[in-house]
Amino acid sequence: MADCICPEGISDMYVFRDSVIVLIVISISLGTFILYDSIAQGRAASTDHIIAGAVLCSFALALLYFVSKTVVK
């Protein structure tokens, strides 16, 4: 797929699609771990950790949306 060169240059997400998929998996894993760890601590849960976990999960879902959107077209 990386050999496909369009008239205006290299195709948008196809070259970096594997890297983006790895980034999505890492972001979801890390965000879920941070959220779980924050909630499991109970009374000592820091708001910053909960926000960081939620932001990482949201970031991964947004990347997943844009990657799947380019594949469907």
Protein backbone atom coordinates (compact mmCIF):
# COMPACT_ATOMS: atom_id res chain seq x y z
CA MET A 1 0.00 0.00 0.00
CA ALA A 2 2.90 2.36 0.67
CA ASP A 3 3.97 2.05 -2.99
CA CYS A 4 0.83 3.87 -4.18
CA ILE A 5 1.83 7.36 -5.26
CA CYS A 6 -0.95 9.73 -6.28
CA PRO A 7 -0.49 12.64 -8.71
CA GLU A 8 -0.38 15.12 -5.83
CA GLY A 9 2.05 13.04 -3.77
CA ILE A 10 1.86 10.20 -1.33
CA SER A 11 -1.60 9.16 -0.20
CA ASP A 12 -2.72 10.80 3.07
CA MET A 13 -3.06 8.19 5.80
CA TYR A 14 -2.08 5.00 3.99
CA VAL A 15 1.65 5.37 4.60
CA PHE A 16 1.29 6.12 8.30
CA ARG A 17 -1.77 3.93 8.94
CA ASP A 18 0.18 1.23 10.78
CA SER A 19 1.87 3.81 13.00
CA VAL A 20 -1.46 5.43 13.76
CA ILE A 21 -3.01 2.06 14.67
CA VAL A 22 -0.14 1.40 17.10
CA LEU A 23 -0.60 4.90 18.55
CA ILE A 24 -4.34 4.22 18.99
CA VAL A 25 -3.71 0.94 20.81
CA ILE A 26 -1.10 2.52 23.08
CA SER A 27 -3.34 5.51 23.84
CA ILE A 28 -6.35 3.36 24.67
CA SER A 29 -4.26 1.03 26.83
CA LEU A 30 -2.55 3.84 28.70
CA GLY A 31 -5.74 5.87 29.11
CA THR A 32 -7.66 2.85 30.39
CA PHE A 33 -4.88 1.99 32.81
CA ILE A 34 -4.76 5.55 34.16
CA LEU A 35 -8.55 5.64 34.57
CA TYR A 36 -8.66 2.21 36.23
CA ASP A 37 -5.76 3.03 38.55
CA SER A 38 -7.33 6.34 39.56
CA ILE A 39 -10.72 4.79 40.28
CA ALA A 40 -9.24 1.74 42.05
CA GLN A 41 -7.40 3.97 44.53
CA GLY A 42 -10.76 5.23 45.75
CA ARG A 43 -10.39 8.13 48.15
CA ALA A 44 -6.89 9.02 46.93
CA ALA A 45 -7.96 9.39 43.30
CA SER A 46 -6.48 12.50 41.76
CA THR A 47 -8.66 14.54 39.43
CA ASP A 48 -5.64 15.12 37.19
CA HIS A 49 -5.21 11.38 36.58
CA ILE A 50 -8.88 10.92 35.74
CA ILE A 51 -8.77 13.82 33.29
CA ALA A 52 -5.53 12.53 31.71
CA GLY A 53 -7.01 9.07 31.23
CA ALA A 54 -10.19 10.48 29.71
CA VAL A 55 -8.22 12.73 27.36
CA LEU A 56 -6.04 9.83 26.18
CA CYS A 57 -9.07 7.64 25.52
CA SER A 58 -10.83 10.48 23.68
CA PHE A 59 -7.70 11.16 21.62
CA ALA A 60 -7.49 7.50 20.63
CA LEU A 61 -11.16 7.37 19.67
CA ALA A 62 -10.79 10.53 17.56
CA LEU A 63 -7.79 9.01 15.75
CA LEU A 64 -9.74 5.80 15.22
CA TYR A 65 -12.61 7.78 13.71
CA PHE A 66 -10.36 9.60 11.23
CA VAL A 67 -8.43 6.47 10.26
CA SER A 68 -11.60 4.45 9.69
CA LYS A 69 -13.15 7.37 7.78
CA THR A 70 -10.27 7.39 5.27
CA VAL A 71 -10.41 3.60 4.85
CA VAL A 72 -14.17 3.57 4.19
CA LYS A 73 -13.89 6.13 1.37
